């Protein structure tokens, strides 16, 4: 009996875990069942898989979407988001990308809302403490100075950058604040 078991090998695994701890069904005689099951994955699950796995900062999300996070309220049209989702994951169907892009029910999606919702559902990026700090500063500047606050701050910091290398030395900062 033991001889027969060793020739047959171990029984097949029921699930396979990927690097992020997500359990997936292995490929079997029926083909890859994950494709069929992904059709039933909700929009937030798809957005997480494509945009937030691994979890990322607001700035990183903006870069992935190909938009500037420096504007006061970065936005992306739903059609552009659908196109970007398809570029990032070509296995997604166009219709499914459009459904995900309309998650807010609006034709233009606020990226800060999308990021906040992803963080609320799946947790913050633990590795990006500086980016989280930057997100908090960005939010406070907008709250305190209004919608033009970031633009004014960016312009002032650019003026302080005497050598134009997009980085402030302590001397440039000290001189600019005096």
C-alpha atoms as a PDB file:
ATOM      1  CA  UNK A   1       0.000   0.000   0.000  1.00  0.00           C
ATOM      2  CA  UNK A   2       2.850   2.420   0.844  1.00  0.00           C
ATOM      3  CA  UNK A   3       4.560   1.489  -2.426  1.00  0.00           C
ATOM      4  CA  UNK A   4       1.444   2.472  -4.392  1.00  0.00           C
ATOM      5  CA  UNK A   5       1.186   5.805  -2.523  1.00  0.00           C
ATOM      6  CA  UNK A   6       4.818   6.719  -3.305  1.00  0.00           C
ATOM      7  CA  UNK A   7       4.303   6.021  -7.042  1.00  0.00           C
ATOM      8  CA  UNK A   8       1.162   8.162  -7.121  1.00  0.00           C
ATOM      9  CA  UNK A   9       2.837  11.059  -5.347  1.00  0.00           C
ATOM     10  CA  UNK A  10       1.236  13.494  -2.969  1.00  0.00           C
ATOM     11  CA  UNK A  11      -2.426  14.430  -3.457  1.00  0.00           C
ATOM     12  CA  UNK A  12      -2.916  17.679  -5.401  1.00  0.00           C
ATOM     13  CA  UNK A  13      -3.129  20.903  -3.421  1.00  0.00           C
ATOM     14  CA  UNK A  14      -6.584  22.359  -3.140  1.00  0.00           C
ATOM     15  CA  UNK A  15      -5.309  25.946  -3.106  1.00  0.00           C
ATOM     16  CA  UNK A  16      -2.084  27.736  -3.933  1.00  0.00           C
ATOM     17  CA  UNK A  17      -1.050  30.897  -2.112  1.00  0.00           C
ATOM     18  CA  UNK A  18       0.620  33.687  -4.044  1.00  0.00           C
ATOM     19  CA  UNK A  19       3.200  36.039  -2.522  1.00  0.00           C
ATOM     20  CA  UNK A  20       0.513  38.233  -0.945  1.00  0.00           C
ATOM     21  CA  UNK A  21      -1.229  35.354   0.841  1.00  0.00           C
ATOM     22  CA  UNK A  22      -4.175  35.200  -1.580  1.00  0.00           C
ATOM     23  CA  UNK A  23      -5.446  31.672  -2.051  1.00  0.00           C
ATOM     24  CA  UNK A  24      -5.907  30.673  -5.697  1.00  0.00           C
ATOM     25  CA  UNK A  25      -7.059  27.447  -7.302  1.00  0.00           C
ATOM     26  CA  UNK A  26      -4.292  25.569  -9.136  1.00  0.00           C
ATOM     27  CA  UNK A  27      -4.493  24.913 -12.882  1.00  0.00           C
ATOM     28  CA  UNK A  28      -6.177  21.552 -13.406  1.00  0.00           C
ATOM     29  CA  UNK A  29      -7.698  19.366 -16.144  1.00  0.00           C
ATOM     30  CA  UNK A  30     -10.466  21.934 -16.673  1.00  0.00           C
ATOM     31  CA  UNK A  31      -7.970  24.705 -17.361  1.00  0.00           C
ATOM     32  CA  UNK A  32      -7.282  27.768 -15.271  1.00  0.00           C
ATOM     33  CA  UNK A  33     -10.381  28.222 -13.120  1.00  0.00           C
ATOM     34  CA  UNK A  34      -9.001  31.512 -11.818  1.00  0.00           C
ATOM     35  CA  UNK A  35     -10.017  33.251 -15.064  1.00  0.00           C
ATOM     36  CA  UNK A  36     -13.602  32.110 -14.621  1.00  0.00           C
ATOM     37  CA  UNK A  37     -13.671  33.044 -10.946  1.00  0.00           C
ATOM     38  CA  UNK A  38     -12.111  36.467 -11.628  1.00  0.00           C
ATOM     39  CA  UNK A  39     -15.236  37.340 -13.621  1.00  0.00           C
ATOM     40  CA  UNK A  40     -17.081  37.287 -10.313  1.00  0.00           C
ATOM     41  CA  UNK A  41     -14.486  39.303  -8.431  1.00  0.00           C
ATOM     42  CA  UNK A  42     -15.941  42.627  -7.369  1.00  0.00           C
ATOM     43  CA  UNK A  43     -14.663  45.929  -8.743  1.00  0.00           C
ATOM     44  CA  UNK A  44     -12.783  46.790  -5.538  1.00  0.00           C
ATOM     45  CA  UNK A  45     -10.994  43.455  -5.667  1.00  0.00           C
ATOM     46  CA  UNK A  46      -9.881  44.146  -9.229  1.00  0.00           C
ATOM     47  CA  UNK A  47      -8.784  47.694  -8.380  1.00  0.00           C
ATOM     48  CA  UNK A  48      -6.816  46.294  -5.455  1.00  0.00           C
ATOM     49  CA  UNK A  49      -5.170  43.636  -7.610  1.00  0.00           C
ATOM     50  CA  UNK A  50      -4.184  46.075 -10.361  1.00  0.00           C
ATOM     51  CA  UNK A  51      -3.502  49.336  -8.501  1.00  0.00           C
ATOM     52  CA  UNK A  52      -2.955  48.516  -4.838  1.00  0.00           C
ATOM     53  CA  UNK A  53      -1.107  45.207  -4.695  1.00  0.00           C
ATOM     54  CA  UNK A  54       1.300  45.748  -3.116  1.00  0.00           C
ATOM     55  CA  UNK A  55      -0.285  48.578  -1.143  1.00  0.00           C
ATOM     56  CA  UNK A  56       1.084  51.954  -2.182  1.00  0.00           C
ATOM     57  CA  UNK A  57       1.156  55.640  -1.329  1.00  0.00           C
ATOM     58  CA  UNK A  58      -0.958  58.304  -2.971  1.00  0.00           C
ATOM     59  CA  UNK A  59       2.044  59.505  -5.001  1.00  0.00           C
ATOM     60  CA  UNK A  60       2.759  55.984  -6.263  1.00  0.00           C
ATOM     61  CA  UNK A  61      -0.891  55.537  -7.247  1.00  0.00           C
ATOM     62  CA  UNK A  62      -0.763  58.796  -9.220  1.00  0.00           C
ATOM     63  CA  UNK A  63       2.389  57.608 -11.002  1.00  0.00           C
ATOM     64  CA  UNK A  64       0.752  54.286 -11.883  1.00  0.00           C
ATOM     65  CA  UNK A  65      -2.224  56.165 -13.294  1.00  0.00           C
ATOM     66  CA  UNK A  66       0.087  58.471 -15.245  1.00  0.00           C
ATOM     67  CA  UNK A  67      -1.159  61.690 -13.647  1.00  0.00           C
ATOM     68  CA  UNK A  68       0.470  64.376 -11.526  1.00  0.00           C
ATOM     69  CA  UNK A  69      -0.164  64.140  -7.806  1.00  0.00           C
ATOM     70  CA  UNK A  70       1.083  67.714  -7.364  1.00  0.00           C
ATOM     71  CA  UNK A  71      -2.176  69.313  -8.464  1.00  0.00           C
ATOM     72  CA  UNK A  72      -4.660  70.311  -5.787  1.00  0.00           C
ATOM     73  CA  UNK A  73      -7.241  67.642  -6.600  1.00  0.00           C
ATOM     74  CA  UNK A  74      -5.869  65.093  -9.070  1.00  0.00           C
ATOM     75  CA  UNK A  75      -8.629  63.581 -11.171  1.00  0.00           C
ATOM     76  CA  UNK A  76      -8.834  61.013 -13.913  1.00  0.00           C
ATOM     77  CA  UNK A  77     -11.681  60.538 -16.381  1.00  0.00           C
ATOM     78  CA  UNK A  78     -13.342  57.133 -16.032  1.00  0.00           C
ATOM     79  CA  UNK A  79     -12.495  56.245 -19.641  1.00  0.00           C
ATOM     80  CA  UNK A  80      -8.815  57.037 -19.035  1.00  0.00           C
ATOM     81  CA  UNK A  81      -8.848  54.950 -15.866  1.00  0.00           C
ATOM     82  CA  UNK A  82     -10.408  52.039 -17.776  1.00  0.00           C
ATOM     83  CA  UNK A  83      -7.717  52.316 -20.456  1.00  0.00           C
ATOM     84  CA  UNK A  84      -4.975  52.437 -17.820  1.00  0.00           C
ATOM     85  CA  UNK A  85      -6.389  49.395 -15.993  1.00  0.00           C
ATOM     86  CA  UNK A  86      -6.315  47.464 -19.273  1.00  0.00           C
ATOM     87  CA  UNK A  87      -2.706  48.563 -19.907  1.00  0.00           C
ATOM     88  CA  UNK A  88      -1.651  47.475 -16.422  1.00  0.00           C
ATOM     89  CA  UNK A  89      -3.484  44.127 -16.669  1.00  0.00           C
ATOM     90  CA  UNK A  90      -4.104  43.049 -20.279  1.00  0.00           C
ATOM     91  CA  UNK A  91      -5.954  39.939 -19.060  1.00  0.00           C
ATOM     92  CA  UNK A  92      -8.894  42.134 -17.979  1.00  0.00           C
ATOM     93  CA  UNK A  93     -11.751  42.502 -20.434  1.00  0.00           C
ATOM     94  CA  UNK A  94     -12.501  46.035 -21.669  1.00  0.00           C
ATOM     95  CA  UNK A  95     -16.053  45.888 -20.277  1.00  0.00           C
ATOM     96  CA  UNK A  96     -14.751  44.870 -16.845  1.00  0.00           C
ATOM     97  CA  UNK A  97     -12.237  47.745 -16.876  1.00  0.00           C
ATOM     98  CA  UNK A  98     -15.047  50.183 -17.635  1.00  0.00           C
ATOM     99  CA  UNK A  99     -17.135  48.790 -14.786  1.00  0.00           C
ATOM    100  CA  UNK A 100     -14.211  49.238 -12.386  1.00  0.00           C
ATOM    101  CA  UNK A 101     -13.542  52.760 -13.633  1.00  0.00           C
ATOM    102  CA  UNK A 102     -17.139  53.728 -12.859  1.00  0.00           C
ATOM    103  CA  UNK A 103     -16.787  52.621  -9.208  1.00  0.00           C
ATOM    104  CA  UNK A 104     -17.591  56.139  -7.978  1.00  0.00           C
ATOM    105  CA  UNK A 105     -20.592  56.463 -10.290  1.00  0.00           C
ATOM    106  CA  UNK A 106     -19.046  59.593 -11.815  1.00  0.00           C
ATOM    107  CA  UNK A 107     -17.457  60.242 -15.208  1.00  0.00           C
ATOM    108  CA  UNK A 108     -14.409  61.795 -13.524  1.00  0.00           C
ATOM    109  CA  UNK A 109     -12.844  60.110 -10.515  1.00  0.00           C
ATOM    110  CA  UNK A 110     -10.980  61.954  -7.764  1.00  0.00           C
ATOM    111  CA  UNK A 111      -7.740  60.041  -7.196  1.00  0.00           C
ATOM    112  CA  UNK A 112      -7.554  61.072  -3.526  1.00  0.00           C
ATOM    113  CA  UNK A 113     -10.988  59.492  -2.956  1.00  0.00           C
ATOM    114  CA  UNK A 114      -9.883  56.313  -4.738  1.00  0.00           C
ATOM    115  CA  UNK A 115      -6.699  56.084  -2.661  1.00  0.00           C
ATOM    116  CA  UNK A 116      -8.508  56.807   0.612  1.00  0.00           C
ATOM    117  CA  UNK A 117     -11.070  54.118  -0.180  1.00  0.00           C
ATOM    118  CA  UNK A 118      -8.390  51.562  -1.056  1.00  0.00           C
ATOM    119  CA  UNK A 119      -6.555  52.386   2.191  1.00  0.00           C
ATOM    120  CA  UNK A 120      -9.798  52.131   4.166  1.00  0.00           C
ATOM    121  CA  UNK A 121     -10.591  48.723   2.668  1.00  0.00           C
ATOM    122  CA  UNK A 122      -7.114  47.157   2.509  1.00  0.00           C
ATOM    123  CA  UNK A 123      -4.894  49.166   4.864  1.00  0.00           C
ATOM    124  CA  UNK A 124      -2.072  51.682   4.319  1.00  0.00           C
ATOM    125  CA  UNK A 125       1.311  50.975   2.818  1.00  0.00           C
ATOM    126  CA  UNK A 126       3.413  50.319   5.897  1.00  0.00           C
ATOM    127  CA  UNK A 127       6.672  50.915   4.021  1.00  0.00           C
ATOM    128  CA  UNK A 128       5.869  54.434   2.855  1.00  0.00           C
ATOM    129  CA  UNK A 129       5.857  56.505   6.028  1.00  0.00           C
ATOM    130  CA  UNK A 130       7.383  59.559   4.256  1.00  0.00           C
ATOM    131  CA  UNK A 131       4.696  59.408   1.556  1.00  0.00           C
ATOM    132  CA  UNK A 132       1.989  59.151   4.201  1.00  0.00           C
ATOM    133  CA  UNK A 133       3.472  62.205   5.882  1.00  0.00           C
ATOM    134  CA  UNK A 134       3.449  63.999   2.539  1.00  0.00           C
ATOM    135  CA  UNK A 135      -0.202  63.004   2.047  1.00  0.00           C
ATOM    136  CA  UNK A 136      -1.079  64.484   5.457  1.00  0.00           C
ATOM    137  CA  UNK A 137       0.816  67.710   4.714  1.00  0.00           C
ATOM    138  CA  UNK A 138      -0.901  67.956   1.321  1.00  0.00           C
ATOM    139  CA  UNK A 139      -4.311  67.514   2.953  1.00  0.00           C
ATOM    140  CA  UNK A 140      -3.556  70.086   5.686  1.00  0.00           C
ATOM    141  CA  UNK A 141      -2.330  72.657   3.170  1.00  0.00           C
ATOM    142  CA  UNK A 142      -5.542  72.253   1.180  1.00  0.00           C
ATOM    143  CA  UNK A 143      -7.663  72.524   4.342  1.00  0.00           C
ATOM    144  CA  UNK A 144      -5.801  75.599   5.624  1.00  0.00           C
ATOM    145  CA  UNK A 145      -5.076  77.453   2.377  1.00  0.00           C
ATOM    146  CA  UNK A 146      -7.877  76.407   0.058  1.00  0.00           C
ATOM    147  CA  UNK A 147      -7.714  74.827  -3.353  1.00  0.00           C
ATOM    148  CA  UNK A 148      -4.819  77.008  -4.534  1.00  0.00           C
ATOM    149  CA  UNK A 149      -2.727  76.219  -1.446  1.00  0.00           C
ATOM    150  CA  UNK A 150      -0.566  73.516  -3.007  1.00  0.00           C
ATOM    151  CA  UNK A 151       0.088  75.564  -6.111  1.00  0.00           C
ATOM    152  CA  UNK A 152       1.155  78.595  -4.053  1.00  0.00           C
ATOM    153  CA  UNK A 153       3.338  76.406  -1.816  1.00  0.00           C
ATOM    154  CA  UNK A 154       4.951  74.763  -4.858  1.00  0.00           C
ATOM    155  CA  UNK A 155       5.662  78.185  -6.391  1.00  0.00           C
ATOM    156  CA  UNK A 156       7.213  79.468  -3.134  1.00  0.00           C
ATOM    157  CA  UNK A 157       9.395  76.376  -2.741  1.00  0.00           C
ATOM    158  CA  UNK A 158      10.493  76.685  -6.381  1.00  0.00           C
ATOM    159  CA  UNK A 159      11.510  80.295  -5.721  1.00  0.00           C
ATOM    160  CA  UNK A 160      13.593  79.125  -2.746  1.00  0.00           C
ATOM    161  CA  UNK A 161      15.420  76.553  -4.902  1.00  0.00           C
ATOM    162  CA  UNK A 162      18.186  78.920  -6.009  1.00  0.00           C
ATOM    163  CA  UNK A 163      20.312  76.338  -7.847  1.00  0.00           C
ATOM    164  CA  UNK A 164      17.265  74.811  -9.604  1.00  0.00           C
ATOM    165  CA  UNK A 165      18.010  71.176  -8.732  1.00  0.00           C
ATOM    166  CA  UNK A 166      14.467  70.488  -7.397  1.00  0.00           C
ATOM    167  CA  UNK A 167      15.875  70.008  -3.899  1.00  0.00           C
ATOM    168  CA  UNK A 168      16.176  72.525  -1.075  1.00  0.00           C
ATOM    169  CA  UNK A 169      19.378  72.690   0.910  1.00  0.00           C
ATOM    170  CA  UNK A 170      19.191  73.844   4.511  1.00  0.00           C
ATOM    171  CA  UNK A 171      20.753  77.165   3.401  1.00  0.00           C
ATOM    172  CA  UNK A 172      18.132  77.669   0.665  1.00  0.00           C
ATOM    173  CA  UNK A 173      15.339  76.848   3.117  1.00  0.00           C
ATOM    174  CA  UNK A 174      16.753  79.143   5.799  1.00  0.00           C
ATOM    175  CA  UNK A 175      17.194  81.980   3.307  1.00  0.00           C
ATOM    176  CA  UNK A 176      13.720  81.454   1.858  1.00  0.00           C
ATOM    177  CA  UNK A 177      12.016  81.488   5.248  1.00  0.00           C
ATOM    178  CA  UNK A 178      13.797  84.633   6.457  1.00  0.00           C
END
